[in-house]
Amino acid sequence: MALPVNIEKLIHGEAVEWERLEFKKGWNPEEVTHTICAFANDINNWGGGYIIVGIEAIDGRPVLPPTGIAVNSIDKIQKEILEICHKIQPHYLPAIQPCLFNKKHILVIWVPAGDLRPYTAPSTLGKKSERRKFIRFGSSTIVAKGQNERRLDELTARIPFDDRINQNASVDDLDLGLIQSYLKQIKSDLYEESKTISFIELCRKMNIAKGPDEFLRPVNVGLMFFNQKPEMFFDRAFIEVVIRKDDFGKEFIEEKFTGPLNIQLRNALDYINRNVVRHEVRKVDFKPEALRLTNYPETAIEEALANAVYHKGYDYGSSIEVQVFPDKITILSYPGPVPPIDQDALKQRNVVARNYRNRRIGDFLKDLDLTEGKGTGFPLIYKSMENNGSPLPEFETDAEHTYFLTTLRIHPAFLKSTAGPTDKIRSATDITINDFEDILTLILSIEEALYKEGTVEYDKNSDRVSDRVNQQIFNRIVEFLSNNGQFSDRVGAIVSDRVGEREKSKMINTLELCIENKSRTAIFANLGLRYHYKNYKKYIEPLINNRWLKMTMPDNPSHPNQQYGTTLQGAILLCLIKQL
């Protein structure tokens, strides 16, 4: 029996999270019984898990190539699995697929989350064994005790909405073409098998239909992904995108994306990428390479919208609303995060949920490469916004967990505002600064705006900082940057990392000296050092490489009249570090 998953991606941890995988070098019926029980209990609503027999593991990761199992033992092991599953109460039966992986025979046991939890299994397969409730803790199987046992008991007969049977639909509402398209896309062995088996058998193997043959009904997640119009079964199960021309809502364009969840998600993302995302390439004086800027990183948008599709309450009758304003994108879904995640937790970069509202939707989205693994979405959004030089993302809910709002703010270089110079600086300094190169992007965007207003005298060919930026504006920029905790707290550490702790004081002296261009001889004299190439490599070259110091004749480094001047970036760094 083929499983609806790509086996190779599964083994490499690309189909599900590592916590949902258990590797066994050999066949151990007692351990497998406990793990089946634990995955069936699914205490975190992750959707169960997989046991792979024939592959050794170290620290939860597979050791490849696999050791494999003897081909003549496969039938015997499958019969033993049926026997040990009769020892689990209530009765539970997983799906099994023998397969050839890297020329070795292995056995993959798929254990979907059970509908009748809590499940118990004997502590040993010997006589006089006591029954225990097993759960997964990280990548280990343990006995549920204390608070964990209470949590498991509270989940009795509580099935996440996406995995519930839909009594108002029939298996005829599931589309064979959509199912086969999905299986082909994820490269599952079940795709070829689906051409020869009955449709009912296929739905059972996909675990998208449950019940006896005479009353077989689809589960909600099946209708969400394998029905052309899921909004017929789930009110307002679609994505609305509104692009506003201004902040007042007088001019806007609205689009609605319907269909299977994965299709509406892809279509909405394509629409946003075509109509909202913009890229620019800017050549700047201080850097040899051009700056490539994006108003919104596509990865952040994709992950934020996929997160909304994953965690939305499809029994709430509300759509996902994407609002595009001149300076930000907001993504609103209902309800809010599942407790204990609250507003305070959402302020953390790594948000780890204990329970999930939908345990199956995430699996389908991950199989289709539309979302990352559980617990990785928030860090990915933060990282992509930071790498783009954008403000940090904002996540919001209320005390009653009635909504979830994600806000992605535009890169400051793309702001088109009529605000005055002070407002422009204030807005631009909301930028997330990971490195000194981000300061350069920041200053260039501010300087360009101020120059257009006539506030700053702009001279591309000038080497002096004082000629590039009006001193009052320069001081104001430094003030805002020094008050930006996300940057100022890291200045000392970054400088030490770039040039070394011992060299930091000499670096400061050099930047101060070179506000007015100076020769190499003057720099060494100021530092009390001999005119030697090693001293140049140690104290001057790192400043040039970091673009805090520049040559007046960069095309001829060895010119006898060569001088060195502090860059705008270096001058701002100098002001900041002296305040620490």
Protein backbone atom coordinates (compact mmCIF):
# COMPACT_ATOMS: atom_id res chain seq x y z
CA MET A 1 0.00 0.00 0.00
CA ALA A 2 1.51 3.33 -1.09
CA LEU A 3 1.28 6.32 1.25
CA PRO A 4 0.25 9.86 0.21
CA VAL A 5 3.71 11.30 0.88
CA ASN A 6 7.05 11.54 -0.87
CA ILE A 7 9.17 8.93 0.95
CA GLU A 8 12.53 10.56 0.15
CA LYS A 9 11.39 13.98 1.41
CA LEU A 10 9.91 12.27 4.45
CA ILE A 11 13.17 10.56 5.42
CA HIS A 12 15.10 13.82 5.02
CA GLY A 13 12.69 15.69 7.29
CA GLU A 14 11.28 17.81 4.45
CA ALA A 15 7.72 16.45 4.52
CA VAL A 16 7.07 16.64 8.26
CA GLU A 17 8.95 17.87 11.32
CA TRP A 18 11.64 15.69 12.90
CA GLU A 19 9.53 15.32 16.06
CA ARG A 20 7.01 13.40 13.96
CA LEU A 21 9.56 10.87 12.74
CA GLU A 22 10.84 7.80 14.56
CA PHE A 23 13.67 5.82 12.96
CA LYS A 24 14.32 2.19 13.92
CA LYS A 25 17.42 0.32 12.79
CA GLY A 26 15.68 -3.00 13.40
CA TRP A 27 12.28 -4.34 14.33
CA ASN A 28 11.37 -3.86 17.99
CA PRO A 29 7.64 -4.62 18.50
CA GLU A 30 7.44 -3.22 22.04
CA GLU A 31 8.98 0.15 21.16
CA VAL A 32 6.89 0.39 18.00
CA THR A 33 3.72 -0.31 19.98
CA HIS A 34 4.47 2.56 22.35
CA THR A 35 5.29 4.95 19.50
CA ILE A 36 2.12 4.06 17.57
CA CYS A 37 0.15 4.78 20.73
CA ALA A 38 1.96 8.10 21.19
CA PHE A 39 1.43 9.29 17.62
CA ALA A 40 -2.24 8.26 17.77
CA ASN A 41 -2.69 10.32 20.96
CA ASP A 42 -1.22 13.33 19.12
CA ILE A 43 -1.14 15.49 22.25
CA ASN A 44 0.00 18.57 20.28
CA ASN A 45 -2.49 18.17 17.41
CA TRP A 46 0.40 17.83 14.96
CA GLY A 47 -1.33 15.14 12.92
CA GLY A 48 0.38 11.96 14.13
CA GLY A 49 3.68 10.75 12.74
CA TYR A 50 5.73 8.13 10.91
CA ILE A 51 7.83 5.18 12.07
CA ILE A 52 10.54 4.09 9.63
CA VAL A 53 12.00 0.63 10.22
CA GLY A 54 15.34 -0.15 8.61
CA ILE A 55 17.11 3.18 9.20
CA GLU A 56 19.27 3.90 12.21
CA ALA A 57 19.07 7.29 13.93
CA ILE A 58 21.47 9.43 15.94
CA ASP A 59 19.90 12.28 17.93
CA GLY A 60 16.67 11.83 16.02
CA ARG A 61 18.30 12.16 12.57
CA PRO A 62 18.62 9.29 10.07
CA VAL A 63 21.96 7.61 9.43
CA LEU A 64 22.28 7.05 5.69
CA PRO A 65 22.68 4.93 3.71
CA PRO A 66 20.06 2.79 5.47
CA THR A 67 20.84 -0.57 7.04
CA GLY A 68 17.58 -1.93 5.66
CA ILE A 69 15.61 -5.00 6.68
CA ALA A 70 15.62 -8.47 5.17
CA VAL A 71 13.10 -8.74 2.36
CA ASN A 72 11.81 -12.10 3.68
CA SER A 73 10.95 -10.49 7.04
CA ILE A 74 8.64 -7.77 5.67
CA ASP A 75 5.46 -9.89 5.65
CA LYS A 76 6.22 -11.21 9.12
CA ILE A 77 6.71 -7.68 10.51
CA GLN A 78 3.46 -6.47 8.94
CA LYS A 79 1.56 -9.33 10.57
CA GLU A 80 3.15 -8.51 13.92
CA ILE A 81 2.08 -4.88 13.53
CA LEU A 82 -1.53 -6.04 13.16
CA GLU A 83 -1.15 -8.16 16.29
CA ILE A 84 0.40 -5.43 18.46
CA CYS A 85 -2.19 -2.89 17.31
CA HIS A 86 -4.90 -5.12 18.82
CA LYS A 87 -3.18 -4.48 22.15
CA ILE A 88 -3.80 -0.72 21.78
CA GLN A 89 -7.09 0.47 23.23
CA PRO A 90 -9.29 1.73 21.67
CA HIS A 91 -8.35 -0.36 18.65
CA TYR A 92 -6.10 1.49 16.25
CA LEU A 93 -4.67 0.46 12.88
CA PRO A 94 -1.94 2.46 11.06
CA ALA A 95 -1.09 2.38 7.35
CA ILE A 96 2.04 0.54 6.19
CA GLN A 97 4.20 0.81 3.06
CA PRO A 98 7.19 -1.43 2.34
CA CYS A 99 9.51 0.32 -0.09
CA LEU A 100 12.98 0.30 -1.58
CA PHE A 101 15.14 3.25 -0.53
CA ASN A 102 18.79 3.55 -1.61
CA LYS A 103 18.64 -0.09 -2.73
CA LYS A 104 17.58 -1.20 0.77
CA HIS A 105 14.20 -2.48 1.91
CA ILE A 106 12.55 -0.39 4.61
CA LEU A 107 9.09 -0.25 6.17
CA VAL A 108 7.22 3.04 6.62
CA ILE A 109 4.39 3.06 9.16
CA TRP A 110 2.03 6.04 8.91
CA VAL A 111 0.24 6.76 12.19
CA PRO A 112 -2.38 9.51 11.69
CA ALA A 113 -3.81 11.16 14.79
CA GLY A 114 -6.61 9.04 16.21
CA ASP A 115 -10.23 10.11 16.69
CA LEU A 116 -10.76 8.18 19.94
CA ARG A 117 -7.94 9.41 22.16
CA PRO A 118 -6.65 8.89 24.72
CA TYR A 119 -5.15 5.59 23.57
CA THR A 120 -3.36 3.22 25.91
CA ALA A 121 -0.83 0.46 25.28
CA PRO A 122 0.77 -2.19 27.54
CA SER A 123 4.01 -1.06 29.16
CA THR A 124 5.58 -4.35 28.04
CA LEU A 125 4.47 -7.15 25.74
CA GLY A 126 4.99 -9.67 28.50
CA LYS A 127 2.46 -10.97 31.01
CA LYS A 128 1.02 -8.85 33.84
CA SER A 129 1.75 -5.66 31.99
CA GLU A 130 0.10 -2.40 33.01
CA ARG A 131 -1.57 -0.11 30.50
CA ARG A 132 -0.04 3.32 29.94
CA LYS A 133 -0.87 6.44 27.95
CA PHE A 134 2.09 7.22 25.71
CA ILE A 135 2.81 10.60 24.12
CA ARG A 136 5.55 12.24 22.08
CA PHE A 137 7.89 14.62 23.87
CA GLY A 138 10.18 16.19 21.29
CA SER A 139 11.52 13.25 19.29
CA SER A 140 11.01 10.73 22.13
CA THR A 141 8.11 8.55 23.24
CA ILE A 142 7.29 8.81 26.94
CA VAL A 143 4.53 7.84 29.37
CA ALA A 144 2.07 10.70 29.96
CA LYS A 145 2.17 11.79 33.60
CA GLY A 146 0.90 14.70 35.67
CA GLN A 147 0.03 17.76 33.61
CA ASN A 148 0.62 15.96 30.31
CA GLU A 149 -1.81 13.22 31.27
CA ARG A 150 -4.41 15.83 32.22
CA ARG A 151 -3.88 17.59 28.91
CA LEU A 152 -4.35 14.33 27.04
CA ASP A 153 -7.54 13.52 28.93
CA GLU A 154 -8.92 16.94 28.06
CA LEU A 155 -8.50 16.10 24.38
CA THR A 156 -10.89 13.15 24.63
CA ALA A 157 -13.26 13.21 21.65
CA ARG A 158 -11.91 16.64 20.66
CA ILE A 159 -10.93 16.41 17.01
CA PRO A 160 -9.50 19.49 15.28
CA PHE A 161 -11.98 20.99 12.84
CA ASP A 162 -9.97 20.18 9.71
CA ASP A 163 -9.88 16.47 10.62
CA ARG A 164 -13.58 16.12 11.46
CA ILE A 165 -16.08 14.23 9.31
CA ASN A 166 -18.34 16.56 7.34
CA GLN A 167 -21.87 15.19 7.62
CA ASN A 168 -23.19 17.60 4.98
CA ALA A 169 -21.02 16.25 2.19
CA SER A 170 -20.36 12.95 0.44
CA VAL A 171 -17.23 11.39 -1.06
CA ASP A 172 -18.63 12.40 -4.46
CA ASP A 173 -17.76 15.97 -3.48
CA LEU A 174 -14.08 15.04 -3.57
CA ASP A 175 -12.45 15.61 -6.96
CA LEU A 176 -10.31 12.75 -8.29
CA GLY A 177 -8.43 15.09 -10.62
CA LEU A 178 -7.40 17.38 -7.76
CA ILE A 179 -6.31 14.41 -5.66
CA GLN A 180 -4.18 12.93 -8.43
CA SER A 181 -2.72 16.34 -9.25
CA TYR A 182 -1.65 16.71 -5.62
CA LEU A 183 -0.11 13.21 -5.49
CA LYS A 184 1.76 13.82 -8.73
CA GLN A 185 3.02 17.19 -7.54
CA ILE A 186 4.47 15.81 -4.30
CA LYS A 187 5.81 12.74 -6.19
CA SER A 188 4.00 10.18 -4.08
CA ASP A 189 4.03 6.50 -5.08
CA LEU A 190 0.28 6.59 -4.48
CA TYR A 191 -0.16 8.58 -7.71
CA GLU A 192 0.41 5.55 -9.96
CA GLU A 193 -1.57 3.32 -7.63
CA SER A 194 -4.50 5.76 -7.75
CA LYS A 195 -5.05 4.84 -11.40
CA THR A 196 -5.92 1.24 -10.56
CA ILE A 197 -7.65 1.26 -7.15
CA SER A 198 -11.21 2.34 -6.39
CA PHE A 199 -11.94 5.96 -5.52
CA ILE A 200 -13.19 4.98 -2.05
CA GLU A 201 -10.00 3.07 -1.34
CA LEU A 202 -7.94 6.04 -2.52
CA CYS A 203 -9.83 8.40 -0.18
CA ARG A 204 -9.26 6.03 2.73
CA LYS A 205 -5.54 5.81 1.97
CA MET A 206 -5.36 9.60 1.83
CA ASN A 207 -7.21 9.69 5.17
CA ILE A 208 -9.60 12.26 3.70
CA ALA A 209 -12.70 10.11 4.24
CA LYS A 210 -13.86 8.16 7.28
CA GLY A 211 -16.65 5.87 8.34
CA PRO A 212 -18.12 2.54 7.16
CA ASP A 213 -18.50 1.97 3.42
CA GLU A 214 -22.27 2.43 3.63
CA PHE A 215 -21.88 5.81 5.32
CA LEU A 216 -18.45 7.02 4.19
CA ARG A 217 -18.05 10.78 4.56
CA PRO A 218 -15.22 13.17 3.64
CA VAL A 219 -13.29 14.97 6.35
CA ASN A 220 -13.13 18.74 6.20
CA VAL A 221 -9.52 18.95 5.06
CA GLY A 222 -10.40 16.80 2.04
CA LEU A 223 -13.08 19.29 0.99
CA MET A 224 -10.70 22.20 1.60
CA PHE A 225 -8.05 20.85 -0.79
CA PHE A 226 -9.90 18.51 -3.15
CA ASN A 227 -13.15 20.31 -3.94
CA GLN A 228 -13.34 23.10 -6.53
CA LYS A 229 -15.56 25.27 -4.32
CA PRO A 230 -14.79 24.74 -0.61
CA GLU A 231 -16.72 27.95 0.20
CA MET A 232 -19.90 25.90 -0.43
CA PHE A 233 -19.09 23.95 2.75
CA PHE A 234 -17.17 26.57 4.74
CA ASP A 235 -18.63 30.07 4.70
CA ARG A 236 -16.24 32.69 3.28
CA ALA A 237 -13.36 30.22 2.91
CA PHE A 238 -11.45 32.48 0.55
CA ILE A 239 -8.79 35.21 0.47
CA GLU A 240 -9.62 38.86 -0.21
CA VAL A 241 -6.85 41.21 -1.37
CA VAL A 242 -7.49 44.97 -1.33
CA ILE A 243 -4.87 47.33 -2.79
CA ARG A 244 -5.47 50.86 -1.52
CA LYS A 245 -4.13 53.90 -3.35
CA ASP A 246 -4.25 56.03 -0.22
CA ASP A 247 -4.79 55.75 3.54
CA PHE A 248 -8.39 56.94 3.36
CA GLY A 249 -9.89 54.10 1.31
CA LYS A 250 -11.35 56.28 -1.46
CA GLU A 251 -9.44 54.50 -4.22
CA PHE A 252 -8.82 50.78 -4.11
CA ILE A 253 -8.73 47.58 -6.15
CA GLU A 254 -10.27 44.42 -4.69
CA GLU A 255 -9.77 40.81 -5.75
CA LYS A 256 -11.20 37.61 -4.29
CA PHE A 257 -9.40 34.25 -4.56
CA THR A 258 -11.44 31.08 -4.22
CA GLY A 259 -10.95 27.38 -4.90
CA PRO A 260 -8.92 24.73 -3.04
CA LEU A 261 -6.82 26.29 -0.29
CA ASN A 262 -3.48 25.65 -2.00
CA ILE A 263 -4.71 27.10 -5.30
CA GLN A 264 -6.24 30.24 -3.79
CA LEU A 265 -3.06 30.76 -1.76
CA ARG A 266 -0.82 30.45 -4.84
CA ASN A 267 -3.08 32.72 -6.90
CA ALA A 268 -3.23 35.36 -4.17
CA LEU A 269 0.57 35.31 -3.80
CA ASP A 270 1.08 35.57 -7.56
CA TYR A 271 -1.31 38.53 -7.68
CA ILE A 272 0.48 40.33 -4.83
CA ASN A 273 3.90 39.66 -6.36
CA ARG A 274 2.76 41.07 -9.71
CA ASN A 275 0.90 44.10 -8.42
CA VAL A 276 2.56 45.02 -5.13
CA VAL A 277 6.15 43.76 -4.87
CA ARG A 278 8.69 46.10 -6.44
CA HIS A 279 12.46 45.77 -6.93
CA GLU A 280 15.02 48.52 -7.44
CA VAL A 281 18.73 48.53 -8.17
CA ARG A 282 20.64 51.57 -6.92
CA LYS A 283 24.28 52.42 -7.57
CA VAL A 284 25.85 54.22 -4.63
CA ASP A 285 29.15 55.99 -4.16
CA PHE A 286 30.19 54.14 -1.03
CA LYS A 287 29.87 50.58 -2.34
CA PRO A 288 31.42 48.92 -5.40
CA GLU A 289 28.32 46.82 -5.98
CA ALA A 290 24.79 48.11 -6.57
CA LEU A 291 22.15 47.91 -3.85
CA ARG A 292 19.22 45.63 -4.68
CA LEU A 293 16.17 46.74 -2.78
CA THR A 294 12.69 45.22 -2.45
CA ASN A 295 9.72 47.01 -0.95
CA TYR A 296 8.46 43.76 0.63
CA PRO A 297 10.42 40.48 0.69
CA GLU A 298 8.37 37.80 -1.07
CA THR A 299 9.34 35.17 1.51
CA ALA A 300 7.81 37.19 4.34
CA ILE A 301 4.56 37.73 2.43
CA GLU A 302 4.31 34.06 1.46
CA GLU A 303 4.95 32.76 4.96
CA ALA A 304 2.60 35.30 6.61
CA LEU A 305 -0.28 34.52 4.25
CA ALA A 306 0.33 30.76 4.43
CA ASN A 307 0.29 31.10 8.22
CA ALA A 308 -3.15 32.74 7.99
CA VAL A 309 -4.46 29.94 5.75
CA TYR A 310 -3.02 27.32 8.11
CA HIS A 311 -4.35 28.72 11.39
CA LYS A 312 -7.66 30.31 10.35
CA GLY A 313 -10.83 28.98 11.96
CA TYR A 314 -12.84 27.59 9.04
CA ASP A 315 -15.92 27.26 11.22
CA TYR A 316 -15.94 31.04 11.90
CA GLY A 317 -17.42 32.16 8.59
CA SER A 318 -14.82 34.86 7.89
CA SER A 319 -12.41 35.35 5.02
CA ILE A 320 -8.70 36.15 5.17
CA GLU A 321 -8.26 39.86 4.48
CA VAL A 322 -5.06 41.21 2.90
CA GLN A 323 -4.93 45.01 2.89
CA VAL A 324 -2.16 46.74 0.92
CA PHE A 325 -1.63 50.36 2.02
CA PRO A 326 0.94 52.81 0.62
CA ASP A 327 3.30 52.01 3.50
CA LYS A 328 2.36 48.53 4.76
CA ILE A 329 0.62 45.20 4.17
CA THR A 330 -1.76 43.78 6.79
CA ILE A 331 -3.06 40.21 6.87
CA LEU A 332 -6.10 39.62 9.09
CA SER A 333 -7.62 36.25 9.97
CA TYR A 334 -10.05 34.92 12.56
CA PRO A 335 -9.86 33.80 15.31
CA GLY A 336 -6.61 34.57 17.13
CA PRO A 337 -3.86 32.10 18.13
CA VAL A 338 -4.69 29.10 20.27
CA PRO A 339 -3.94 29.72 23.98
CA PRO A 340 -1.56 29.97 25.72
CA ILE A 341 -0.14 32.09 22.86
CA ASP A 342 -1.09 35.70 23.67
CA GLN A 343 0.07 39.22 22.79
CA ASP A 344 3.11 38.96 25.06
CA ALA A 345 4.16 35.68 23.41
CA LEU A 346 3.74 37.24 19.97
CA LYS A 347 6.41 39.79 20.83
CA GLN A 348 9.00 37.01 20.90
CA ARG A 349 10.88 36.09 17.75
CA ASN A 350 10.43 32.35 18.35
CA VAL A 351 6.80 31.57 19.06
CA VAL A 352 6.33 27.91 19.97
CA ALA A 353 2.71 26.77 19.97
CA ARG A 354 1.70 23.88 22.20
CA ASN A 355 -1.54 23.13 20.36
CA TYR A 356 -2.63 23.64 16.75
CA ARG A 357 -6.10 24.50 15.52
CA ASN A 358 -5.72 22.55 12.27
CA ARG A 359 -3.50 19.48 12.34
CA ARG A 360 -3.95 18.42 8.71
CA ILE A 361 -3.90 21.68 6.72
CA GLY A 362 -0.28 22.31 7.67
CA ASP A 363 0.78 18.89 6.36
CA PHE A 364 -0.77 19.50 2.94
CA LEU A 365 0.73 23.00 2.70
CA LYS A 366 4.17 21.73 3.65
CA ASP A 367 4.00 18.84 1.18
CA LEU A 368 3.30 21.47 -1.50
CA ASP A 369 6.20 23.67 -0.27
CA LEU A 370 3.76 26.45 0.64
CA THR A 371 4.83 26.77 4.25
CA GLU A 372 7.72 25.93 6.54
CA GLY A 373 7.65 23.48 9.43
CA LYS A 374 5.82 24.13 12.65
CA GLY A 375 7.50 26.75 14.81
CA THR A 376 9.66 28.11 11.95
CA GLY A 377 7.23 30.57 10.36
CA PHE A 378 7.80 33.52 12.68
CA PRO A 379 11.62 33.31 12.63
CA LEU A 380 11.54 33.08 8.82
CA ILE A 381 9.39 36.21 8.55
CA TYR A 382 11.71 38.08 10.94
CA LYS A 383 14.80 36.95 9.09
CA SER A 384 13.53 37.82 5.60
CA MET A 385 12.41 41.29 6.74
CA GLU A 386 15.74 41.92 8.46
CA ASN A 387 17.77 40.71 5.49
CA ASN A 388 15.81 43.09 3.30
CA GLY A 389 16.51 46.02 5.63
CA SER A 390 12.80 46.36 6.39
CA PRO A 391 11.15 47.22 9.72
CA LEU A 392 10.44 44.27 11.99
CA PRO A 393 7.13 42.46 11.39
CA GLU A 394 4.32 43.04 13.87
CA PHE A 395 1.93 40.36 15.16
CA GLU A 396 -1.17 41.27 17.09
CA THR A 397 -4.16 39.69 18.84
CA ASP A 398 -6.52 40.76 21.62
CA ALA A 399 -7.13 39.41 25.11
CA GLU A 400 -10.03 37.25 23.87
CA HIS A 401 -8.02 35.79 20.94
CA THR A 402 -10.71 36.91 18.48
CA TYR A 403 -8.36 37.88 15.63
CA PHE A 404 -4.79 37.60 14.37
CA LEU A 405 -3.17 40.52 12.54
CA THR A 406 0.20 40.52 10.78
CA THR A 407 1.71 43.82 9.65
CA LEU A 408 4.62 44.04 7.19
CA ARG A 409 5.92 47.58 6.74
CA ILE A 410 7.43 48.82 3.51
CA HIS A 411 11.18 49.31 3.10
CA PRO A 412 11.90 53.00 3.90
CA ALA A 413 13.55 53.54 0.51
CA PHE A 414 10.13 53.00 -1.14
CA LEU A 415 8.22 55.46 1.05
CA LYS A 416 6.49 58.15 -0.96
CA SER A 417 5.51 60.67 1.64
CA THR A 418 4.98 64.42 1.71
CA ALA A 419 6.15 64.63 5.30
CA GLY A 420 8.91 67.05 6.31
CA PRO A 421 12.58 66.15 6.86
CA THR A 422 12.15 65.23 10.54
CA ASP A 423 9.24 62.90 9.75
CA LYS A 424 11.20 61.30 6.94
CA ILE A 425 14.12 60.59 9.25
CA ARG A 426 11.82 59.29 11.97
CA SER A 427 10.09 56.95 9.51
CA ALA A 428 13.32 55.79 7.90
CA THR A 429 14.94 55.00 11.21
CA ASP A 430 12.23 52.46 11.95
CA ILE A 431 14.33 50.25 9.68
CA THR A 432 15.69 47.03 11.14
CA ILE A 433 19.46 47.48 11.15
CA ASN A 434 21.40 44.21 11.09
CA ASP A 435 24.67 45.61 9.85
CA PHE A 436 26.44 48.83 8.97
CA GLU A 437 25.53 48.38 5.30
CA ASP A 438 21.92 48.95 6.36
CA ILE A 439 22.91 52.39 7.68
CA LEU A 440 24.19 53.25 4.23
CA THR A 441 20.88 52.32 2.62
CA LEU A 442 19.10 54.31 5.30
CA ILE A 443 21.23 57.45 4.89
CA LEU A 444 21.00 57.36 1.10
CA SER A 445 17.21 57.25 1.19
CA ILE A 446 17.08 60.11 3.71
CA GLU A 447 19.70 62.17 1.91
CA GLU A 448 17.94 61.75 -1.44
CA ALA A 449 14.67 63.00 0.02
CA LEU A 450 16.32 65.94 1.78
CA TYR A 451 18.29 66.92 -1.33
CA LYS A 452 15.11 67.05 -3.39
CA GLU A 453 13.63 69.44 -0.81
CA GLY A 454 16.72 71.63 -0.89
CA THR A 455 17.61 70.86 2.74
CA VAL A 456 21.00 69.35 1.92
CA GLU A 457 23.68 70.52 -0.50
CA TYR A 458 24.50 67.41 -2.50
CA ASP A 459 27.85 66.87 -4.19
CA LYS A 460 28.59 63.39 -5.50
CA ASN A 461 32.27 64.17 -6.03
CA SER A 462 32.91 65.50 -2.53
CA ASP A 463 35.05 63.43 -0.16
CA ARG A 464 34.20 65.42 2.96
CA VAL A 465 31.35 64.31 5.21
CA SER A 466 30.50 67.91 6.12
CA ASP A 467 29.81 68.66 2.45
CA ARG A 468 27.49 65.70 2.04
CA VAL A 469 25.08 66.28 4.91
CA ASN A 470 24.07 69.43 6.72
CA GLN A 471 25.46 69.17 10.27
CA GLN A 472 22.07 69.71 11.89
CA ILE A 473 20.54 66.91 9.83
CA PHE A 474 23.56 64.72 10.50
CA ASN A 475 23.16 65.20 14.28
CA ARG A 476 19.47 64.43 14.02
CA ILE A 477 20.17 61.16 12.17
CA VAL A 478 22.70 60.10 14.81
CA GLU A 479 20.23 60.95 17.58
CA PHE A 480 17.54 58.77 16.09
CA LEU A 481 19.94 55.91 15.45
CA SER A 482 21.39 56.06 18.96
CA ASN A 483 17.88 55.80 20.39
CA ASN A 484 17.16 52.75 18.28
CA GLY A 485 17.84 49.95 20.76
CA GLN A 486 17.79 47.18 18.16
CA PHE A 487 20.94 48.74 16.63
CA SER A 488 22.80 50.64 19.35
CA ASP A 489 22.92 47.60 21.61
CA ARG A 490 24.86 45.72 18.93
CA VAL A 491 27.30 48.39 17.79
CA GLY A 492 30.15 47.46 20.13
CA ALA A 493 29.83 43.74 19.46
CA ILE A 494 29.75 44.20 15.69
CA VAL A 495 32.77 46.51 15.68
CA SER A 496 34.76 44.08 17.84
CA ASP A 497 33.82 41.26 15.52
CA ARG A 498 34.82 43.24 12.42
CA VAL A 499 38.15 44.73 13.53
CA GLY A 500 38.97 43.06 16.86
CA GLU A 501 38.56 44.30 20.41
CA ARG A 502 42.18 45.42 20.75
CA GLU A 503 42.06 47.40 17.51
CA LYS A 504 38.80 49.20 18.36
CA SER A 505 40.41 52.26 20.02
CA LYS A 506 42.87 52.73 17.13
CA MET A 507 39.96 52.45 14.71
CA ILE A 508 38.13 55.25 16.52
CA ASN A 509 41.25 57.44 16.45
CA THR A 510 41.66 56.86 12.71
CA LEU A 511 38.05 57.68 11.89
CA GLU A 512 38.27 60.86 13.95
CA LEU A 513 41.53 61.90 12.28
CA CYS A 514 40.27 61.19 8.77
CA ILE A 515 37.16 63.36 8.92
CA GLU A 516 39.62 65.55 7.01
CA ASN A 517 41.51 63.46 4.45
CA LYS A 518 44.90 62.24 5.71
CA SER A 519 47.88 60.37 4.28
CA ARG A 520 48.99 56.97 5.47
CA THR A 521 52.03 58.60 7.11
CA ALA A 522 49.79 60.93 9.12
CA ILE A 523 47.56 58.05 10.23
CA PHE A 524 50.50 55.97 11.50
CA ALA A 525 52.01 58.98 13.25
CA ASN A 526 48.70 59.61 15.00
CA LEU A 527 48.57 55.96 16.13
CA GLY A 528 52.24 55.92 17.19
CA LEU A 529 53.03 53.14 14.73
CA ARG A 530 55.84 52.52 12.24
CA TYR A 531 55.13 53.06 8.55
CA HIS A 532 54.87 49.34 7.76
CA TYR A 533 52.69 47.21 5.47
CA LYS A 534 51.68 44.92 8.38
CA ASN A 535 50.30 47.92 10.25
CA TYR A 536 48.41 48.96 7.14
CA LYS A 537 46.86 45.45 6.87
CA LYS A 538 45.95 45.48 10.56
CA TYR A 539 44.66 49.00 11.15
CA ILE A 540 43.67 50.62 7.85
CA GLU A 541 42.63 47.88 5.44
CA PRO A 542 39.82 46.52 7.71
CA LEU A 543 38.27 50.00 7.82
CA ILE A 544 38.35 50.20 4.02
CA ASN A 545 36.89 46.70 3.65
CA ASN A 546 34.06 47.66 6.00
CA ARG A 547 33.52 50.90 4.02
CA TRP A 548 34.10 53.12 7.02
CA LEU A 549 37.21 54.59 5.40
CA LYS A 550 37.85 55.23 1.70
CA MET A 551 40.75 56.11 -0.57
CA THR A 552 40.74 59.41 -2.39
CA MET A 553 42.25 57.57 -5.39
CA PRO A 554 40.73 54.07 -5.22
CA ASP A 555 41.80 53.22 -8.79
CA ASN A 556 45.46 53.69 -7.88
CA PRO A 557 45.94 52.44 -4.27
CA SER A 558 49.75 52.83 -4.31
CA HIS A 559 49.74 56.43 -5.57
CA PRO A 560 52.25 58.52 -3.57
CA ASN A 561 49.59 61.19 -2.94
CA GLN A 562 47.01 58.69 -1.75
CA GLN A 563 44.91 59.85 1.17
CA TYR A 564 42.14 58.35 3.27
CA GLY A 565 38.85 59.87 4.37
CA THR A 566 36.09 58.80 6.75
CA THR A 567 32.93 57.84 4.87
CA LEU A 568 29.47 59.00 5.83
CA GLN A 569 28.84 55.53 7.16
CA GLY A 570 32.03 55.63 9.22
CA ALA A 571 31.23 59.08 10.59
CA ILE A 572 27.83 57.97 11.85
CA LEU A 573 29.38 54.83 13.31
CA LEU A 574 31.97 57.00 15.05
CA CYS A 575 29.29 59.18 16.65
CA LEU A 576 27.30 56.16 17.77
CA ILE A 577 30.19 54.23 19.29
CA LYS A 578 31.43 57.27 21.21
CA GLN A 579 28.01 57.48 22.88
CA LEU A 580 28.11 53.89 24.16
